PDB file of N, CA and C in Angstrom:
ATOM      1  N   UNK A   1       5.434 -22.122   0.564  1.00  0.00           N
ATOM      2  CA  UNK A   1       4.286 -21.174  -0.062  1.00  0.00           C
ATOM      3  C   UNK A   1       3.669 -22.121  -1.125  1.00  0.00           C
ATOM      4  N   UNK A   2       4.176 -23.571  -1.801  1.00  0.00           N
ATOM      5  CA  UNK A   2       3.264 -23.931  -2.512  1.00  0.00           C
ATOM      6  C   UNK A   2       2.262 -24.897  -1.198  1.00  0.00           C
ATOM      7  N   UNK A   3       3.271 -25.254   0.289  1.00  0.00           N
ATOM      8  CA  UNK A   3       2.269 -25.920   0.250  1.00  0.00           C
ATOM      9  C   UNK A   3       1.147 -24.695   1.321  1.00  0.00           C
ATOM     10  N   UNK A   4       1.234 -24.480   1.224  1.00  0.00           N
ATOM     11  CA  UNK A   4      -0.049 -22.665   2.266  1.00  0.00           C
ATOM     12  C   UNK A   4      -0.802 -23.048   1.160  1.00  0.00           C
ATOM     13  N   UNK A   5      -0.567 -22.347  -0.478  1.00  0.00           N
ATOM     14  CA  UNK A   5      -1.627 -22.462  -1.386  1.00  0.00           C
ATOM     15  C   UNK A   5      -2.420 -23.618  -1.437  1.00  0.00           C
ATOM     16  N   UNK A   6      -1.734 -24.896  -1.697  1.00  0.00           N
ATOM     17  CA  UNK A   6      -2.322 -26.226  -1.479  1.00  0.00           C
ATOM     18  C   UNK A   6      -2.885 -26.707  -0.445  1.00  0.00           C
ATOM     19  N   UNK A   7      -2.573 -26.113   0.805  1.00  0.00           N
ATOM     20  CA  UNK A   7      -3.847 -25.648   2.281  1.00  0.00           C
ATOM     21  C   UNK A   7      -4.905 -25.118   1.926  1.00  0.00           C
ATOM     22  N   UNK A   8      -4.864 -23.789   1.416  1.00  0.00           N
ATOM     23  CA  UNK A   8      -5.686 -23.241   1.144  1.00  0.00           C
ATOM     24  C   UNK A   8      -6.754 -23.857   0.461  1.00  0.00           C
ATOM     25  N   UNK A   9      -6.379 -24.318  -0.473  1.00  0.00           N
ATOM     26  CA  UNK A   9      -7.216 -24.929  -2.192  1.00  0.00           C
ATOM     27  C   UNK A   9      -7.441 -25.933  -1.497  1.00  0.00           C
ATOM     28  N   UNK A  10      -7.568 -27.310  -0.442  1.00  0.00           N
ATOM     29  CA  UNK A  10      -7.893 -27.994  -0.183  1.00  0.00           C
ATOM     30  C   UNK A  10      -8.778 -27.833   1.190  1.00  0.00           C
ATOM     31  N   UNK A  11      -9.425 -26.475   1.702  1.00  0.00           N
ATOM     32  CA  UNK A  11      -9.626 -26.548   3.204  1.00  0.00           C
ATOM     33  C   UNK A  11     -10.905 -25.594   2.264  1.00  0.00           C
ATOM     34  N   UNK A  12     -10.592 -25.141   1.199  1.00  0.00           N
ATOM     35  CA  UNK A  12     -11.614 -24.307   0.566  1.00  0.00           C
ATOM     36  C   UNK A  12     -12.290 -25.181  -0.632  1.00  0.00           C
ATOM     37  N   UNK A  13     -11.682 -26.124  -0.917  1.00  0.00           N
ATOM     38  CA  UNK A  13     -12.857 -26.973  -1.192  1.00  0.00           C
ATOM     39  C   UNK A  13     -13.680 -28.447  -0.264  1.00  0.00           C
ATOM     40  N   UNK A  14     -13.202 -28.252   1.217  1.00  0.00           N
ATOM     41  CA  UNK A  14     -14.072 -29.167   2.068  1.00  0.00           C
ATOM     42  C   UNK A  14     -15.283 -28.385   2.721  1.00  0.00           C
ATOM     43  N   UNK A  15     -14.919 -27.048   2.586  1.00  0.00           N
ATOM     44  CA  UNK A  15     -15.500 -26.402   3.324  1.00  0.00           C
ATOM     45  C   UNK A  15     -17.158 -25.659   3.232  1.00  0.00           C
ATOM     46  N   UNK A  16     -17.789 -25.551   3.716  1.00  0.00           N
ATOM     47  CA  UNK A  16     -19.201 -25.493   2.888  1.00  0.00           C
ATOM     48  C   UNK A  16     -18.992 -23.837   3.874  1.00  0.00           C
ATOM     49  N   UNK A  17     -18.476 -23.135   2.324  1.00  0.00           N
ATOM     50  CA  UNK A  17     -18.994 -21.565   2.109  1.00  0.00           C
ATOM     51  C   UNK A  17     -19.718 -21.496   0.980  1.00  0.00           C
ATOM     52  N   UNK A  18     -20.342 -20.091   1.661  1.00  0.00           N
ATOM     53  CA  UNK A  18     -21.391 -19.853   1.091  1.00  0.00           C
ATOM     54  C   UNK A  18     -20.250 -19.178  -0.493  1.00  0.00           C
ATOM     55  N   UNK A  19     -21.213 -18.442  -1.597  1.00  0.00           N
ATOM     56  CA  UNK A  19     -20.863 -18.049  -2.746  1.00  0.00           C
ATOM     57  C   UNK A  19     -19.449 -16.878  -2.238  1.00  0.00           C
ATOM     58  N   UNK A  20     -20.335 -15.668  -1.075  1.00  0.00           N
ATOM     59  CA  UNK A  20     -19.357 -14.235  -0.868  1.00  0.00           C
ATOM     60  C   UNK A  20     -17.865 -15.169  -0.315  1.00  0.00           C
ATOM     61  N   UNK A  21     -18.319 -15.805   0.441  1.00  0.00           N
ATOM     62  CA  UNK A  21     -16.689 -16.141   1.131  1.00  0.00           C
ATOM     63  C   UNK A  21     -16.216 -17.082   0.639  1.00  0.00           C
ATOM     64  N   UNK A  22     -16.432 -18.332  -0.811  1.00  0.00           N
ATOM     65  CA  UNK A  22     -16.296 -19.190  -1.596  1.00  0.00           C
ATOM     66  C   UNK A  22     -15.177 -17.876  -2.840  1.00  0.00           C
ATOM     67  N   UNK A  23     -16.083 -17.015  -3.249  1.00  0.00           N
ATOM     68  CA  UNK A  23     -15.432 -16.014  -3.987  1.00  0.00           C
ATOM     69  C   UNK A  23     -13.883 -15.478  -3.376  1.00  0.00           C
ATOM     70  N   UNK A  24     -13.916 -15.014  -1.797  1.00  0.00           N
ATOM     71  CA  UNK A  24     -13.029 -14.110  -1.119  1.00  0.00           C
ATOM     72  C   UNK A  24     -11.865 -14.899  -1.256  1.00  0.00           C
ATOM     73  N   UNK A  25     -11.876 -16.479  -0.454  1.00  0.00           N
ATOM     74  CA  UNK A  25     -11.013 -17.816  -0.219  1.00  0.00           C
ATOM     75  C   UNK A  25     -10.089 -17.691  -2.030  1.00  0.00           C
ATOM     76  N   UNK A  26     -11.020 -18.014  -3.163  1.00  0.00           N
ATOM     77  CA  UNK A  26     -10.982 -17.949  -4.163  1.00  0.00           C
ATOM     78  C   UNK A  26      -9.821 -16.496  -4.636  1.00  0.00           C
ATOM     79  N   UNK A  27      -9.558 -15.458  -4.288  1.00  0.00           N
ATOM     80  CA  UNK A  27      -9.539 -14.170  -4.708  1.00  0.00           C
ATOM     81  C   UNK A  27      -8.086 -14.376  -3.534  1.00  0.00           C
ATOM     82  N   UNK A  28      -8.034 -14.788  -2.681  1.00  0.00           N
ATOM     83  CA  UNK A  28      -7.077 -15.205  -1.742  1.00  0.00           C
ATOM     84  C   UNK A  28      -5.845 -15.391  -1.834  1.00  0.00           C
ATOM     85  N   UNK A  29      -6.427 -17.005  -2.325  1.00  0.00           N
ATOM     86  CA  UNK A  29      -5.441 -17.762  -2.932  1.00  0.00           C
ATOM     87  C   UNK A  29      -4.543 -17.464  -4.062  1.00  0.00           C
ATOM     88  N   UNK A  30      -5.487 -16.638  -4.921  1.00  0.00           N
ATOM     89  CA  UNK A  30      -5.765 -16.521  -6.300  1.00  0.00           C
ATOM     90  C   UNK A  30      -4.003 -15.035  -5.939  1.00  0.00           C
ATOM     91  N   UNK A  31      -4.234 -14.166  -5.014  1.00  0.00           N
ATOM     92  CA  UNK A  31      -3.264 -13.461  -4.367  1.00  0.00           C
ATOM     93  C   UNK A  31      -1.953 -14.104  -4.163  1.00  0.00           C
ATOM     94  N   UNK A  32      -2.009 -15.214  -3.221  1.00  0.00           N
ATOM     95  CA  UNK A  32      -0.880 -15.892  -2.867  1.00  0.00           C
ATOM     96  C   UNK A  32       0.169 -16.718  -4.824  1.00  0.00           C
ATOM     97  N   UNK A  33      -0.777 -17.020  -5.066  1.00  0.00           N
ATOM     98  CA  UNK A  33      -0.198 -17.844  -6.380  1.00  0.00           C
ATOM     99  C   UNK A  33       0.651 -16.089  -7.417  1.00  0.00           C
ATOM    100  N   UNK A  34       0.074 -15.290  -7.618  1.00  0.00           N
ATOM    101  CA  UNK A  34       0.351 -13.918  -8.213  1.00  0.00           C
ATOM    102  C   UNK A  34       1.691 -13.718  -7.722  1.00  0.00           C
ATOM    103  N   UNK A  35       1.255 -13.618  -6.349  1.00  0.00           N
ATOM    104  CA  UNK A  35       2.820 -12.818  -5.632  1.00  0.00           C
ATOM    105  C   UNK A  35       3.279 -13.703  -4.891  1.00  0.00           C
ATOM    106  N   UNK A  36       3.927 -15.585  -5.046  1.00  0.00           N
ATOM    107  CA  UNK A  36       5.005 -15.930  -3.721  1.00  0.00           C
ATOM    108  C   UNK A  36       6.281 -16.495  -4.423  1.00  0.00           C
ATOM    109  N   UNK A  37       6.725 -15.389  -5.489  1.00  0.00           N
ATOM    110  CA  UNK A  37       7.932 -15.001  -5.493  1.00  0.00           C
ATOM    111  C   UNK A  37       8.311 -13.817  -4.630  1.00  0.00           C
ATOM    112  N   UNK A  38       7.171 -12.846  -4.063  1.00  0.00           N
ATOM    113  CA  UNK A  38       7.655 -12.162  -3.447  1.00  0.00           C
ATOM    114  C   UNK A  38       7.894 -12.714  -2.041  1.00  0.00           C
ATOM    115  N   UNK A  39       7.213 -13.516  -2.050  1.00  0.00           N
ATOM    116  CA  UNK A  39       7.098 -14.400  -0.804  1.00  0.00           C
ATOM    117  C   UNK A  39       8.474 -14.968   0.069  1.00  0.00           C
ATOM    118  N   UNK A  40       9.902 -15.777  -1.256  1.00  0.00           N
ATOM    119  CA  UNK A  40      10.303 -16.815   0.450  1.00  0.00           C
ATOM    120  C   UNK A  40      11.110 -15.864   0.788  1.00  0.00           C
ATOM    121  N   UNK A  41      10.664 -15.942   2.247  1.00  0.00           N
ATOM    122  CA  UNK A  41      11.356 -14.998   3.418  1.00  0.00           C
ATOM    123  C   UNK A  41      12.314 -16.316   3.590  1.00  0.00           C
ATOM    124  N   UNK A  42      12.816 -17.073   4.232  1.00  0.00           N
ATOM    125  CA  UNK A  42      13.575 -17.846   4.571  1.00  0.00           C
ATOM    126  C   UNK A  42      15.199 -17.442   3.040  1.00  0.00           C
ATOM    127  N   UNK A  43      14.705 -16.902   2.032  1.00  0.00           N
ATOM    128  CA  UNK A  43      16.138 -16.732   0.868  1.00  0.00           C
ATOM    129  C   UNK A  43      16.407 -15.219   1.222  1.00  0.00           C
ATOM    130  N   UNK A  44      15.124 -14.347   2.274  1.00  0.00           N
ATOM    131  CA  UNK A  44      15.452 -13.062   2.152  1.00  0.00           C
ATOM    132  C   UNK A  44      16.433 -12.324   3.059  1.00  0.00           C
ATOM    133  N   UNK A  45      16.048 -13.438   4.376  1.00  0.00           N
ATOM    134  CA  UNK A  45      16.215 -13.683   5.372  1.00  0.00           C
ATOM    135  C   UNK A  45      17.803 -13.960   4.968  1.00  0.00           C
ATOM    136  N   UNK A  46      17.997 -14.979   4.627  1.00  0.00           N
ATOM    137  CA  UNK A  46      19.594 -15.949   4.281  1.00  0.00           C
ATOM    138  C   UNK A  46      20.365 -15.182   3.488  1.00  0.00           C
ATOM    139  N   UNK A  47      19.751 -14.080   2.957  1.00  0.00           N
ATOM    140  CA  UNK A  47      20.373 -13.042   2.111  1.00  0.00           C
ATOM    141  C   UNK A  47      20.509 -11.581   3.026  1.00  0.00           C
ATOM    142  N   UNK A  48      19.960 -11.756   4.138  1.00  0.00           N
ATOM    143  CA  UNK A  48      19.993 -10.173   4.663  1.00  0.00           C
ATOM    144  C   UNK A  48      19.159  -9.622   4.307  1.00  0.00           C
ATOM    145  N   UNK A  49      18.769  -9.836   3.741  1.00  0.00           N
ATOM    146  CA  UNK A  49      17.244  -8.520   2.614  1.00  0.00           C
ATOM    147  C   UNK A  49      16.049  -8.481   3.941  1.00  0.00           C
ATOM    148  N   UNK A  50      15.644  -6.819   4.084  1.00  0.00           N
ATOM    149  CA  UNK A  50      14.830  -7.328   4.668  1.00  0.00           C
ATOM    150  C   UNK A  50      13.181  -6.915   4.435  1.00  0.00           C
ATOM    151  N   UNK A  51      12.824  -7.951   5.740  1.00  0.00           N
ATOM    152  CA  UNK A  51      11.660  -8.298   4.515  1.00  0.00           C
ATOM    153  C   UNK A  51      10.234  -8.263   5.645  1.00  0.00           C
ATOM    154  N   UNK A  52      10.766  -6.661   6.405  1.00  0.00           N
ATOM    155  CA  UNK A  52       9.060  -6.042   6.629  1.00  0.00           C
ATOM    156  C   UNK A  52       8.933  -4.569   6.457  1.00  0.00           C
ATOM    157  N   UNK A  53       8.404  -3.334   6.114  1.00  0.00           N
ATOM    158  CA  UNK A  53       8.097  -2.202   5.750  1.00  0.00           C
ATOM    159  C   UNK A  53       9.389  -0.966   6.688  1.00  0.00           C
ATOM    160  N   UNK A  54       9.889  -1.567   7.943  1.00  0.00           N
ATOM    161  CA  UNK A  54      10.446  -0.547   8.833  1.00  0.00           C
ATOM    162  C   UNK A  54      11.535  -0.282   8.308  1.00  0.00           C
ATOM    163  N   UNK A  55      12.098  -0.586   7.558  1.00  0.00           N
ATOM    164  CA  UNK A  55      13.250  -0.707   7.153  1.00  0.00           C
ATOM    165  C   UNK A  55      13.108   0.468   5.262  1.00  0.00           C
ATOM    166  N   UNK A  56      11.756  -0.126   4.994  1.00  0.00           N
ATOM    167  CA  UNK A  56      11.481   1.243   4.038  1.00  0.00           C
ATOM    168  C   UNK A  56      11.193   2.118   4.247  1.00  0.00           C
ATOM    169  N   UNK A  57      10.606   2.786   5.658  1.00  0.00           N
ATOM    170  CA  UNK A  57      10.010   3.630   6.321  1.00  0.00           C
ATOM    171  C   UNK A  57      10.956   4.353   6.732  1.00  0.00           C
ATOM    172  N   UNK A  58      11.996   3.612   7.145  1.00  0.00           N
ATOM    173  CA  UNK A  58      13.064   4.109   8.061  1.00  0.00           C
ATOM    174  C   UNK A  58      13.808   4.857   6.411  1.00  0.00           C
ATOM    175  N   UNK A  59      14.155   4.547   5.291  1.00  0.00           N
ATOM    176  CA  UNK A  59      14.877   4.619   4.183  1.00  0.00           C
ATOM    177  C   UNK A  59      14.101   6.237   3.804  1.00  0.00           C
ATOM    178  N   UNK A  60      12.812   5.804   3.627  1.00  0.00           N
ATOM    179  CA  UNK A  60      12.437   7.094   3.200  1.00  0.00           C
ATOM    180  C   UNK A  60      12.971   8.236   3.407  1.00  0.00           C
ATOM    181  N   UNK A  61      12.126   8.234   5.203  1.00  0.00           N
ATOM    182  CA  UNK A  61      12.409   9.099   6.233  1.00  0.00           C
ATOM    183  C   UNK A  61      13.851   9.826   5.629  1.00  0.00           C
ATOM    184  N   UNK A  62      14.819   8.910   5.962  1.00  0.00           N
ATOM    185  CA  UNK A  62      16.852   9.188   5.037  1.00  0.00           C
ATOM    186  C   UNK A  62      16.498  10.407   4.342  1.00  0.00           C
ATOM    187  N   UNK A  63      15.930   9.232   3.639  1.00  0.00           N
ATOM    188  CA  UNK A  63      16.299   9.402   1.900  1.00  0.00           C
ATOM    189  C   UNK A  63      15.372  11.360   1.433  1.00  0.00           C
ATOM    190  N   UNK A  64      14.447  10.764   1.902  1.00  0.00           N
ATOM    191  CA  UNK A  64      13.165  11.844   1.407  1.00  0.00           C
ATOM    192  C   UNK A  64      13.268  13.191   2.583  1.00  0.00           C
ATOM    193  N   UNK A  65      12.589  12.765   3.467  1.00  0.00           N
ATOM    194  CA  UNK A  65      12.210  13.689   4.311  1.00  0.00           C
ATOM    195  C   UNK A  65      12.794  14.827   4.797  1.00  0.00           C
ATOM    196  N   UNK A  66      14.296  14.047   5.140  1.00  0.00           N
ATOM    197  CA  UNK A  66      15.018  14.463   5.863  1.00  0.00           C
ATOM    198  C   UNK A  66      15.812  15.915   4.831  1.00  0.00           C
ATOM    199  N   UNK A  67      15.974  15.448   3.678  1.00  0.00           N
ATOM    200  CA  UNK A  67      16.613  16.182   2.730  1.00  0.00           C
ATOM    201  C   UNK A  67      15.576  17.351   2.166  1.00  0.00           C
ATOM    202  N   UNK A  68      13.871  17.011   2.074  1.00  0.00           N
ATOM    203  CA  UNK A  68      13.329  17.308   0.969  1.00  0.00           C
ATOM    204  C   UNK A  68      12.251  18.510   2.047  1.00  0.00           C
ATOM    205  N   UNK A  69      13.005  18.528   3.388  1.00  0.00           N
ATOM    206  CA  UNK A  69      11.740  19.198   4.242  1.00  0.00           C
ATOM    207  C   UNK A  69      12.399  19.751   5.384  1.00  0.00           C
ATOM    208  N   UNK A  70      13.582  20.427   4.506  1.00  0.00           N
ATOM    209  CA  UNK A  70      14.200  21.292   5.267  1.00  0.00           C
ATOM    210  C   UNK A  70      13.416  22.894   5.060  1.00  0.00           C
ATOM    211  N   UNK A  71      13.945  23.635   6.621  1.00  0.00           N
ATOM    212  CA  UNK A  71      13.147  24.713   6.487  1.00  0.00           C
ATOM    213  C   UNK A  71      13.855  25.634   5.027  1.00  0.00           C
ATOM    214  N   UNK A  72      12.339  25.972   4.895  1.00  0.00           N
ATOM    215  CA  UNK A  72      12.490  27.448   4.016  1.00  0.00           C
ATOM    216  C   UNK A  72      12.431  26.489   2.873  1.00  0.00           C
ATOM    217  N   UNK A  73      13.102  25.365   2.581  1.00  0.00           N
ATOM    218  CA  UNK A  73      13.040  25.045   1.246  1.00  0.00           C
ATOM    219  C   UNK A  73      11.509  24.386   0.696  1.00  0.00           C
ATOM    220  N   UNK A  74      11.757  24.846  -0.854  1.00  0.00           N
ATOM    221  CA  UNK A  74      10.713  24.432  -1.825  1.00  0.00           C
ATOM    222  C   UNK A  74      11.168  24.049  -3.319  1.00  0.00           C
ATOM    223  N   UNK A  75      10.547  22.517  -3.743  1.00  0.00           N
ATOM    224  CA  UNK A  75      10.915  22.123  -3.918  1.00  0.00           C
ATOM    225  C   UNK A  75      10.001  22.214  -5.495  1.00  0.00           C
ATOM    226  N   UNK A  76      10.082  22.148  -6.838  1.00  0.00           N
ATOM    227  CA  UNK A  76       8.969  21.779  -8.029  1.00  0.00           C
ATOM    228  C   UNK A  76       8.742  20.027  -8.087  1.00  0.00           C
ATOM    229  N   UNK A  77       8.288  19.833  -8.674  1.00  0.00           N
ATOM    230  CA  UNK A  77       8.134  17.928  -8.965  1.00  0.00           C
ATOM    231  C   UNK A  77       9.138  17.771  -9.850  1.00  0.00           C
ATOM    232  N   UNK A  78      10.115  18.540 -10.959  1.00  0.00           N
ATOM    233  CA  UNK A  78      11.231  18.051 -11.390  1.00  0.00           C
ATOM    234  C   UNK A  78      12.124  18.069 -10.628  1.00  0.00           C
ATOM    235  N   UNK A  79      12.521  18.741  -9.834  1.00  0.00           N
ATOM    236  CA  UNK A  79      13.558  19.139  -9.654  1.00  0.00           C
ATOM    237  C   UNK A  79      13.861  18.547  -8.002  1.00  0.00           C
ATOM    238  N   UNK A  80      12.930  18.703  -6.801  1.00  0.00           N
ATOM    239  CA  UNK A  80      12.698  17.469  -5.571  1.00  0.00           C
ATOM    240  C   UNK A  80      13.227  15.711  -6.439  1.00  0.00           C
ATOM    241  N   UNK A  81      12.371  15.792  -7.357  1.00  0.00           N
ATOM    242  CA  UNK A  81      13.102  14.562  -8.493  1.00  0.00           C
ATOM    243  C   UNK A  81      14.243  14.323  -9.064  1.00  0.00           C
ATOM    244  N   UNK A  82      15.157  15.485  -8.742  1.00  0.00           N
ATOM    245  CA  UNK A  82      15.975  15.422  -9.323  1.00  0.00           C
ATOM    246  C   UNK A  82      17.317  15.154  -8.163  1.00  0.00           C
ATOM    247  N   UNK A  83      16.564  15.695  -7.045  1.00  0.00           N
ATOM    248  CA  UNK A  83      17.728  15.419  -5.749  1.00  0.00           C
ATOM    249  C   UNK A  83      17.587  14.126  -5.517  1.00  0.00           C
ATOM    250  N   UNK A  84      16.614  13.668  -5.432  1.00  0.00           N
ATOM    251  CA  UNK A  84      16.140  12.581  -4.463  1.00  0.00           C
ATOM    252  C   UNK A  84      16.776  12.064  -5.583  1.00  0.00           C
ATOM    253  N   UNK A  85      17.148  11.480  -6.568  1.00  0.00           N
ATOM    254  CA  UNK A  85      17.489  10.680  -7.436  1.00  0.00           C
ATOM    255  C   UNK A  85      19.327  10.776  -7.309  1.00  0.00           C
ATOM    256  N   UNK A  86      19.205  11.969  -7.090  1.00  0.00           N
ATOM    257  CA  UNK A  86      20.709  11.569  -7.000  1.00  0.00           C
ATOM    258  C   UNK A  86      21.504  11.244  -5.321  1.00  0.00           C
ATOM    259  N   UNK A  87      20.824  11.305  -4.469  1.00  0.00           N
ATOM    260  CA  UNK A  87      20.443  11.678  -3.157  1.00  0.00           C
ATOM    261  C   UNK A  87      20.237   9.910  -2.691  1.00  0.00           C
ATOM    262  N   UNK A  88      19.547   8.661  -4.241  1.00  0.00           N
ATOM    263  CA  UNK A  88      19.784   7.978  -3.201  1.00  0.00           C
ATOM    264  C   UNK A  88      20.780   6.725  -3.907  1.00  0.00           C
ATOM    265  N   UNK A  89      21.425   7.936  -5.212  1.00  0.00           N
ATOM    266  CA  UNK A  89      22.687   7.003  -5.456  1.00  0.00           C
ATOM    267  C   UNK A  89      23.871   7.153  -4.244  1.00  0.00           C
ATOM    268  N   UNK A  90      23.907   8.086  -3.533  1.00  0.00           N
ATOM    269  CA  UNK A  90      24.675   8.425  -3.107  1.00  0.00           C
ATOM    270  C   UNK A  90      24.723   7.489  -1.514  1.00  0.00           C
ATOM    271  N   UNK A  91      23.312   7.654  -1.350  1.00  0.00           N
ATOM    272  CA  UNK A  91      22.833   6.554   0.058  1.00  0.00           C
ATOM    273  C   UNK A  91      23.145   4.920  -0.128  1.00  0.00           C
ATOM    274  N   UNK A  92      22.489   4.727  -1.670  1.00  0.00           N
ATOM    275  CA  UNK A  92      23.202   3.090  -1.770  1.00  0.00           C
ATOM    276  C   UNK A  92      24.459   2.989  -2.208  1.00  0.00           C
ATOM    277  N   UNK A  93      25.508   4.262  -2.151  1.00  0.00           N
ATOM    278  CA  UNK A  93      26.537   3.798  -2.492  1.00  0.00           C
ATOM    279  C   UNK A  93      27.158   3.788  -4.140  1.00  0.00           C
ATOM    280  N   UNK A  94      26.134   4.025  -5.111  1.00  0.00           N
ATOM    281  CA  UNK A  94      26.255   3.786  -5.850  1.00  0.00           C
ATOM    282  C   UNK A  94      26.846   5.080  -6.721  1.00  0.00           C
ATOM    283  N   UNK A  95      27.060   6.347  -5.956  1.00  0.00           N
ATOM    284  CA  UNK A  95      27.409   7.459  -6.909  1.00  0.00           C
ATOM    285  C   UNK A  95      28.325   6.754  -7.979  1.00  0.00           C
ATOM    286  N   UNK A  96      29.610   6.187  -7.560  1.00  0.00           N
ATOM    287  CA  UNK A  96      30.684   6.644  -8.454  1.00  0.00           C
ATOM    288  C   UNK A  96      29.947   5.991  -9.931  1.00  0.00           C
ATOM    289  N   UNK A  97      29.840   4.785  -9.489  1.00  0.00           N
ATOM    290  CA  UNK A  97      28.458   3.752 -10.849  1.00  0.00           C
ATOM    291  C   UNK A  97      28.181   5.294 -11.297  1.00  0.00           C
ATOM    292  N   UNK A  98      27.137   5.661 -10.655  1.00  0.00           N
ATOM    293  CA  UNK A  98      26.370   6.123 -11.556  1.00  0.00           C
ATOM    294  C   UNK A  98      26.928   7.700 -12.614  1.00  0.00           C
ATOM    295  N   UNK A  99      27.840   8.305 -11.412  1.00  0.00           N
ATOM    296  CA  UNK A  99      29.074   9.401 -11.955  1.00  0.00           C
ATOM    297  C   UNK A  99      29.523   8.812 -13.138  1.00  0.00           C
ATOM    298  N   UNK A 100      30.351   7.933 -13.710  1.00  0.00           N
ATOM    299  CA  UNK A 100      30.836   7.442 -14.126  1.00  0.00           C
ATOM    300  C   UNK A 100      30.098   7.354 -15.772  1.00  0.00           C
ATOM    301  N   UNK A 101      29.081   6.628 -15.402  1.00  0.00           N
ATOM    302  CA  UNK A 101      28.257   6.897 -17.396  1.00  0.00           C
ATOM    303  C   UNK A 101      27.345   7.869 -17.071  1.00  0.00           C
ATOM    304  N   UNK A 102      27.113   8.991 -16.086  1.00  0.00           N
ATOM    305  CA  UNK A 102      26.424   9.856 -16.763  1.00  0.00           C
ATOM    306  C   UNK A 102      27.151  10.799 -17.235  1.00  0.00           C
ATOM    307  N   UNK A 103      28.939  10.451 -16.694  1.00  0.00           N
ATOM    308  CA  UNK A 103      29.649  11.429 -17.461  1.00  0.00           C
ATOM    309  C   UNK A 103      29.750  10.707 -19.240  1.00  0.00           C
ATOM    310  N   UNK A 104      30.178   9.519 -18.980  1.00  0.00           N
ATOM    311  CA  UNK A 104      30.437   8.893 -19.992  1.00  0.00           C
ATOM    312  C   UNK A 104      29.027   9.442 -21.591  1.00  0.00           C
ATOM    313  N   UNK A 105      27.841   9.502 -20.836  1.00  0.00           N
ATOM    314  CA  UNK A 105      26.839   9.777 -21.818  1.00  0.00           C
ATOM    315  C   UNK A 105      26.788  11.194 -22.042  1.00  0.00           C
ATOM    316  N   UNK A 106      27.132  12.374 -21.355  1.00  0.00           N
ATOM    317  CA  UNK A 106      26.543  13.710 -22.038  1.00  0.00           C
ATOM    318  C   UNK A 106      28.224  14.275 -22.087  1.00  0.00           C
ATOM    319  N   UNK A 107      29.519  13.494 -21.616  1.00  0.00           N
ATOM    320  CA  UNK A 107      30.308  14.131 -22.390  1.00  0.00           C
ATOM    321  C   UNK A 107      31.566  13.497 -23.373  1.00  0.00           C
ATOM    322  N   UNK A 108      30.885  12.185 -23.546  1.00  0.00           N
ATOM    323  CA  UNK A 108      31.473  12.125 -24.306  1.00  0.00           C
ATOM    324  C   UNK A 108      32.719  12.083 -25.774  1.00  0.00           C
ATOM    325  N   UNK A 109      31.754  12.993 -26.313  1.00  0.00           N
ATOM    326  CA  UNK A 109      32.272  13.787 -27.468  1.00  0.00           C
ATOM    327  C   UNK A 109      33.698  14.926 -27.238  1.00  0.00           C
ATOM    328  N   UNK A 110      33.581  15.632 -25.620  1.00  0.00           N
ATOM    329  CA  UNK A 110      34.336  16.513 -25.335  1.00  0.00           C
ATOM    330  C   UNK A 110      35.755  15.911 -25.281  1.00  0.00           C
ATOM    331  N   UNK A 111      36.567  16.642 -25.841  1.00  0.00           N
ATOM    332  CA  UNK A 111      38.111  16.513 -24.769  1.00  0.00           C
ATOM    333  C   UNK A 111      38.917  17.520 -25.149  1.00  0.00           C
TER     334      UNK A 111
END
């Protein structure tokens, strides 16, 4: 990512840009500098992490749409968020971890 940023800075410096174009180029370079940690695609691919929005969109459809939009269901914001939070724990394989923590917090004085 550093090479991309340096190259953009170099070409911005040698190009004959008007003020508006220079401002836009500077804005874009700043964006890359601020967000470069999120653009380490080689590492993401190496770790098997998704780099596109398709996986996220599919997860939203699976976690949210299928659960919340069934025929006849109505949810308050608080109730819907509670259901989605629990569903996220189940779908991510973290239910046992959640339940153990929940039980310890809410039932530690009960015996």
